[in-house]
Amino acid sequence: MSTRSNPAAPSSTIQPLHGILLVLCAAMLWGTTGTAQSFSDGTLSPYWVGALRLGIAALFFLAYAGAINGLSHLVRQLAGLDWRRAILAGACMAGYNLAFFAGVKITGVAVGTALAIGSGPIWAGLLQLAGGARPGPGWWTGTLLAVGGGVLLVLGRGGDIQADPLGIALCLASGLTYALYALLNKRLVQHATPAVTTLGVFMVGALLALPAAGCWAGPAQITASGWLVVSFLGIASTGIAYLLFTSGLRGISAATGVSLALMEPVTAFLLALGVVGERPGTLAYAGLAALLAGLTIVIRTETR
């Protein structure tokens, strides 16, 4: 039955391999974030970068959902959305962005990114375990191997290392809020289309993040090149990426989705080599090998 004729109809599930491919594509788009920001003039506060990309993504989802559903049908679908979970998921998305950028500002890019991307899959596994789901030993083996590889990959690229307790706590909090977002999003997309789910969640996230950025960083100081970078981040590496991620969750577990997001640092690493001209050390290549091996185990476990 078409969801157009029945706005309350749950979104259909997809095959695990299809879901895996969608999430991997999303992670590859997330991996373009660092390279895109390297083209910015650096005048915009990181807090505003995180908040504005949520706002632009929300506008993208509104335009996309309106185009495929029609305004009247979209209003009915939004009315049927589980807003309790959508508000919680939106708060998690806002918290993830703000905590991540605040943590990275304190600890440096290397430590902050390693902690955030490394803790997310572990938090997701523990949360699913607490909720009664039990990720198998294959998932844990692959995830821990991929997390270890991701940490080596990020740290092996160099950068400032500052072991500040507050910064570490913020980065771990960003990993936790991201894992919570994924679990809530998995529930939401079982009963609504990906377009409506992402629209509801990111509207909430933007409404929370934009005022917070104004309080913490003052008025936004942004140039024309800054708008171009933020627009790319909002539409491509946030809007399209999270639409793919949410669609992929219809076929795989939320914990696997968070683990597969570790393809993000792989993409960032390859772009840094080919576009930025970065020359990392041996540690980074060892981390790359371990990360890809871990993701292979996770994928095999999920498809079985």
Protein backbone atom coordinates (compact mmCIF):
# COMPACT_ATOMS: atom_id res chain seq x y z
CA MET A 1 0.00 0.00 0.00
CA SER A 2 1.34 3.46 -0.81
CA THR A 3 2.26 5.64 2.15
CA ARG A 4 0.60 8.52 0.26
CA SER A 5 -2.79 6.89 0.68
CA ASN A 6 -2.13 5.99 4.31
CA PRO A 7 0.06 8.48 6.17
CA ALA A 8 0.10 6.33 9.27
CA ALA A 9 1.54 3.32 7.47
CA PRO A 10 4.96 2.25 8.75
CA SER A 11 7.96 2.49 6.47
CA SER A 12 8.76 -0.86 4.85
CA THR A 13 11.88 -2.74 5.83
CA ILE A 14 14.71 -3.42 3.40
CA GLN A 15 17.32 -6.13 3.02
CA PRO A 16 20.33 -5.90 5.40
CA LEU A 17 22.83 -5.54 2.55
CA HIS A 18 20.82 -2.64 1.13
CA GLY A 19 20.78 -0.98 4.54
CA ILE A 20 24.52 -1.52 4.94
CA LEU A 21 25.25 0.13 1.58
CA LEU A 22 23.06 3.12 2.40
CA VAL A 23 24.79 3.69 5.74
CA LEU A 24 28.25 3.30 4.19
CA CYS A 25 27.33 5.93 1.59
CA ALA A 26 26.15 8.21 4.39
CA ALA A 27 29.43 7.74 6.26
CA MET A 28 31.39 8.58 3.12
CA LEU A 29 29.50 11.87 2.86
CA TRP A 30 30.20 12.58 6.54
CA GLY A 31 33.87 12.02 5.76
CA THR A 32 33.86 15.04 3.43
CA THR A 33 33.25 17.42 6.35
CA GLY A 34 36.88 18.05 7.27
CA THR A 35 38.00 18.57 3.67
CA ALA A 36 35.09 20.95 3.02
CA GLN A 37 35.94 22.98 6.12
CA SER A 38 39.55 23.31 4.94
CA PHE A 39 38.22 25.59 2.17
CA SER A 40 36.62 27.92 4.72
CA ASP A 41 38.33 31.16 5.76
CA GLY A 42 38.00 30.13 9.41
CA THR A 43 36.05 33.19 10.56
CA LEU A 44 32.93 31.25 11.60
CA SER A 45 32.86 29.77 15.11
CA PRO A 46 32.75 25.95 15.23
CA TYR A 47 29.58 26.21 17.30
CA TRP A 48 27.92 28.11 14.46
CA VAL A 49 29.20 25.58 11.92
CA GLY A 50 27.46 22.79 13.81
CA ALA A 51 24.25 24.76 14.37
CA LEU A 52 23.94 26.23 10.87
CA ARG A 53 24.45 22.87 9.19
CA LEU A 54 21.53 21.52 11.24
CA GLY A 55 19.39 24.48 10.21
CA ILE A 56 20.24 24.13 6.52
CA ALA A 57 19.68 20.37 6.72
CA ALA A 58 16.23 20.98 8.24
CA LEU A 59 15.36 23.27 5.31
CA PHE A 60 16.64 20.60 2.90
CA PHE A 61 14.44 17.95 4.53
CA LEU A 62 11.43 20.32 4.40
CA ALA A 63 11.93 20.93 0.68
CA TYR A 64 12.54 17.23 -0.06
CA ALA A 65 9.64 15.91 2.02
CA GLY A 66 7.32 18.57 0.63
CA ALA A 67 8.28 17.77 -2.95
CA ILE A 68 7.67 14.02 -2.67
CA ASN A 69 4.58 14.18 -0.45
CA GLY A 70 2.80 17.46 -1.15
CA LEU A 71 2.24 20.02 1.60
CA SER A 72 -1.13 18.78 2.88
CA HIS A 73 0.01 15.15 3.01
CA LEU A 74 3.27 16.18 4.71
CA VAL A 75 1.33 18.03 7.42
CA ARG A 76 -0.73 14.89 8.10
CA GLN A 77 2.41 12.74 8.26
CA LEU A 78 4.11 15.14 10.66
CA ALA A 79 0.98 15.11 12.84
CA GLY A 80 1.26 11.32 13.05
CA LEU A 81 4.96 11.34 13.95
CA ASP A 82 5.95 10.04 17.38
CA TRP A 83 6.93 13.50 18.62
CA ARG A 84 8.10 12.31 22.02
CA ARG A 85 10.86 10.27 20.39
CA ALA A 86 11.42 12.88 17.68
CA ILE A 87 12.05 15.60 20.28
CA LEU A 88 14.44 13.34 22.18
CA ALA A 89 16.25 12.41 18.95
CA GLY A 90 16.46 16.08 17.93
CA ALA A 91 17.85 17.01 21.33
CA CYS A 92 20.44 14.25 20.96
CA MET A 93 21.42 15.54 17.51
CA ALA A 94 21.80 19.09 18.83
CA GLY A 95 23.74 17.81 21.84
CA TYR A 96 25.99 15.70 19.62
CA ASN A 97 26.93 18.66 17.42
CA LEU A 98 27.50 21.12 20.27
CA ALA A 99 29.34 18.68 22.55
CA PHE A 100 31.55 17.45 19.71
CA PHE A 101 32.66 20.90 18.59
CA ALA A 102 33.14 22.07 22.18
CA GLY A 103 35.16 18.95 23.02
CA VAL A 104 37.33 19.21 19.91
CA LYS A 105 38.02 22.87 20.69
CA ILE A 106 39.41 21.85 24.10
CA THR A 107 41.20 18.57 23.31
CA GLY A 108 42.30 19.20 19.72
CA VAL A 109 41.00 17.55 16.57
CA ALA A 110 42.94 14.28 16.93
CA VAL A 111 41.91 13.34 20.47
CA GLY A 112 38.40 14.78 20.16
CA THR A 113 37.59 12.96 16.92
CA ALA A 114 39.10 9.69 18.16
CA LEU A 115 37.04 9.79 21.36
CA ALA A 116 33.80 10.77 19.63
CA ILE A 117 33.89 8.26 16.78
CA GLY A 118 35.39 5.54 18.95
CA SER A 119 32.92 5.79 21.81
CA GLY A 120 29.77 5.96 19.65
CA PRO A 121 29.62 2.29 18.58
CA ILE A 122 30.52 1.09 22.09
CA TRP A 123 27.79 3.26 23.62
CA ALA A 124 25.33 1.91 21.02
CA GLY A 125 26.18 -1.70 21.87
CA LEU A 126 25.84 -1.08 25.61
CA LEU A 127 22.54 0.76 25.15
CA GLN A 128 21.10 -2.07 23.06
CA LEU A 129 22.31 -4.52 25.69
CA ALA A 130 20.57 -2.48 28.39
CA GLY A 131 17.41 -2.47 26.28
CA GLY A 132 17.30 -6.25 26.03
CA ALA A 133 18.95 -6.70 22.62
CA ARG A 134 22.21 -8.64 22.67
CA PRO A 135 24.70 -7.87 19.91
CA GLY A 136 26.56 -11.09 19.21
CA PRO A 137 30.27 -11.80 19.71
CA GLY A 138 30.92 -11.24 16.01
CA TRP A 139 29.51 -7.72 16.24
CA TRP A 140 31.56 -6.93 19.35
CA THR A 141 34.74 -8.35 17.82
CA GLY A 142 34.34 -6.41 14.58
CA THR A 143 33.27 -3.22 16.32
CA LEU A 144 36.11 -3.19 18.84
CA LEU A 145 38.63 -3.91 16.09
CA ALA A 146 37.16 -1.13 13.93
CA VAL A 147 37.09 1.30 16.87
CA GLY A 148 40.72 0.56 17.70
CA GLY A 149 41.67 1.01 14.07
CA GLY A 150 39.72 4.26 13.86
CA VAL A 151 41.52 5.66 16.90
CA LEU A 152 44.92 4.73 15.43
CA LEU A 153 43.90 6.19 12.08
CA VAL A 154 42.90 9.53 13.58
CA LEU A 155 45.82 9.83 15.99
CA GLY A 156 48.25 8.67 13.30
CA ARG A 157 47.35 11.70 11.19
CA GLY A 158 48.89 13.98 13.83
CA GLY A 159 47.51 17.14 15.39
CA ASP A 160 47.44 18.69 18.83
CA ILE A 161 46.93 16.25 21.72
CA GLN A 162 45.49 17.77 24.87
CA ALA A 163 44.18 15.40 27.56
CA ASP A 164 41.80 17.88 29.17
CA PRO A 165 39.21 16.17 31.43
CA LEU A 166 36.35 18.47 30.40
CA GLY A 167 37.15 18.07 26.71
CA ILE A 168 37.33 14.29 27.07
CA ALA A 169 33.98 14.25 28.88
CA LEU A 170 32.37 16.37 26.16
CA CYS A 171 33.69 14.12 23.38
CA LEU A 172 32.46 11.00 25.18
CA ALA A 173 29.10 12.74 25.67
CA SER A 174 28.93 13.45 21.94
CA GLY A 175 29.45 9.73 21.24
CA LEU A 176 26.70 8.85 23.73
CA THR A 177 24.19 11.35 22.31
CA TYR A 178 24.90 10.12 18.78
CA ALA A 179 24.27 6.51 19.83
CA LEU A 180 21.02 7.55 21.53
CA TYR A 181 19.98 9.42 18.39
CA ALA A 182 20.55 6.30 16.27
CA LEU A 183 18.49 4.09 18.60
CA LEU A 184 15.61 6.59 18.69
CA ASN A 185 15.81 7.09 14.94
CA LYS A 186 15.56 3.33 14.40
CA ARG A 187 12.25 3.31 16.28
CA LEU A 188 10.93 6.37 14.45
CA VAL A 189 11.66 5.08 10.95
CA GLN A 190 9.74 1.89 11.67
CA HIS A 191 6.52 3.95 11.70
CA ALA A 192 7.25 6.91 9.40
CA THR A 193 9.08 7.52 6.14
CA PRO A 194 12.76 8.51 6.28
CA ALA A 195 11.93 11.96 4.84
CA VAL A 196 9.37 12.74 7.54
CA THR A 197 11.53 11.25 10.29
CA THR A 198 14.58 13.32 9.40
CA LEU A 199 12.48 16.47 8.96
CA GLY A 200 10.94 16.17 12.42
CA VAL A 201 14.22 15.31 14.16
CA PHE A 202 16.31 18.00 12.48
CA MET A 203 13.71 20.73 12.99
CA VAL A 204 13.97 20.06 16.71
CA GLY A 205 17.76 19.84 16.57
CA ALA A 206 18.09 23.14 14.70
CA LEU A 207 15.66 24.95 17.03
CA LEU A 208 17.81 23.88 19.98
CA ALA A 209 21.27 24.30 18.45
CA LEU A 210 20.90 27.73 16.82
CA PRO A 211 20.04 29.66 20.03
CA ALA A 212 22.75 27.73 21.90
CA ALA A 213 25.36 28.73 19.32
CA GLY A 214 24.28 32.36 19.66
CA CYS A 215 24.66 32.20 23.45
CA TRP A 216 28.07 30.49 23.37
CA ALA A 217 29.69 32.16 20.36
CA GLY A 218 27.83 35.46 19.93
CA PRO A 219 26.51 36.68 16.57
CA ALA A 220 27.60 34.62 13.57
CA GLN A 221 30.54 36.13 11.66
CA ILE A 222 30.28 34.53 8.24
CA THR A 223 31.58 35.44 4.80
CA ALA A 224 30.42 34.39 1.32
CA SER A 225 32.91 31.50 1.25
CA GLY A 226 31.73 30.50 4.70
CA TRP A 227 28.14 30.29 3.45
CA LEU A 228 29.26 28.08 0.58
CA VAL A 229 31.03 25.68 2.95
CA VAL A 230 28.16 25.61 5.46
CA SER A 231 25.65 25.09 2.65
CA PHE A 232 27.61 22.08 1.40
CA LEU A 233 27.82 20.71 4.94
CA GLY A 234 24.11 21.23 5.50
CA ILE A 235 22.88 19.78 2.22
CA ALA A 236 25.40 17.06 1.34
CA SER A 237 27.26 15.89 4.43
CA THR A 238 24.25 16.36 6.73
CA GLY A 239 21.00 16.43 4.73
CA ILE A 240 21.62 13.76 2.11
CA ALA A 241 23.87 11.78 4.46
CA TYR A 242 21.32 11.50 7.28
CA LEU A 243 18.54 10.72 4.82
CA LEU A 244 20.65 7.77 3.62
CA PHE A 245 21.50 6.78 7.19
CA THR A 246 17.88 6.87 8.33
CA SER A 247 16.79 4.86 5.28
CA GLY A 248 19.52 2.30 5.96
CA LEU A 249 18.32 1.78 9.54
CA ARG A 250 15.20 0.09 8.14
CA GLY A 251 17.35 -2.92 7.27
CA ILE A 252 19.99 -3.13 10.02
CA SER A 253 20.28 -2.66 13.77
CA ALA A 254 21.02 0.77 15.19
CA ALA A 255 24.24 -0.51 16.77
CA THR A 256 25.48 -1.78 13.40
CA GLY A 257 24.55 1.56 11.83
CA VAL A 258 26.71 3.42 14.36
CA SER A 259 29.58 0.96 13.79
CA LEU A 260 29.42 1.37 10.02
CA ALA A 261 29.65 5.13 10.52
CA LEU A 262 33.35 4.44 11.16
CA MET A 263 33.70 4.58 7.38
CA GLU A 264 33.72 8.35 7.95
CA PRO A 265 37.37 8.59 9.07
CA VAL A 266 38.36 6.28 6.19
CA THR A 267 36.86 8.72 3.69
CA ALA A 268 38.40 11.70 5.49
CA PHE A 269 41.79 9.94 5.42
CA LEU A 270 41.59 9.24 1.68
CA LEU A 271 40.49 12.82 0.92
CA ALA A 272 43.31 14.17 3.06
CA LEU A 273 45.76 12.14 0.97
CA GLY A 274 44.33 13.01 -2.43
CA VAL A 275 42.99 16.54 -1.99
CA VAL A 276 44.82 18.16 0.92
CA GLY A 277 48.16 16.42 0.27
CA GLU A 278 48.53 15.11 3.82
CA ARG A 279 51.28 12.53 4.45
CA PRO A 280 50.42 10.49 7.57
CA GLY A 281 52.69 8.01 9.29
CA THR A 282 52.68 4.22 9.47
CA LEU A 283 50.37 4.24 12.49
CA ALA A 284 47.56 5.70 10.39
CA TYR A 285 47.88 3.00 7.73
CA ALA A 286 47.86 0.28 10.39
CA GLY A 287 44.71 1.82 11.82
CA LEU A 288 43.13 1.91 8.36
CA ALA A 289 43.77 -1.81 7.88
CA ALA A 290 42.35 -2.69 11.31
CA LEU A 291 39.29 -0.48 10.78
CA LEU A 292 38.42 -2.03 7.42
CA ALA A 293 38.94 -5.53 8.82
CA GLY A 294 36.62 -4.75 11.73
CA LEU A 295 33.92 -3.35 9.46
CA THR A 296 34.15 -6.47 7.30
CA ILE A 297 33.42 -8.61 10.37
CA VAL A 298 30.50 -6.37 11.36
CA ILE A 299 29.03 -6.58 7.85
CA ARG A 300 29.39 -10.36 7.72
CA THR A 301 27.72 -10.67 11.12
CA GLU A 302 24.80 -8.41 10.15
CA THR A 303 24.14 -10.12 6.80
CA ARG A 304 24.09 -13.53 8.47
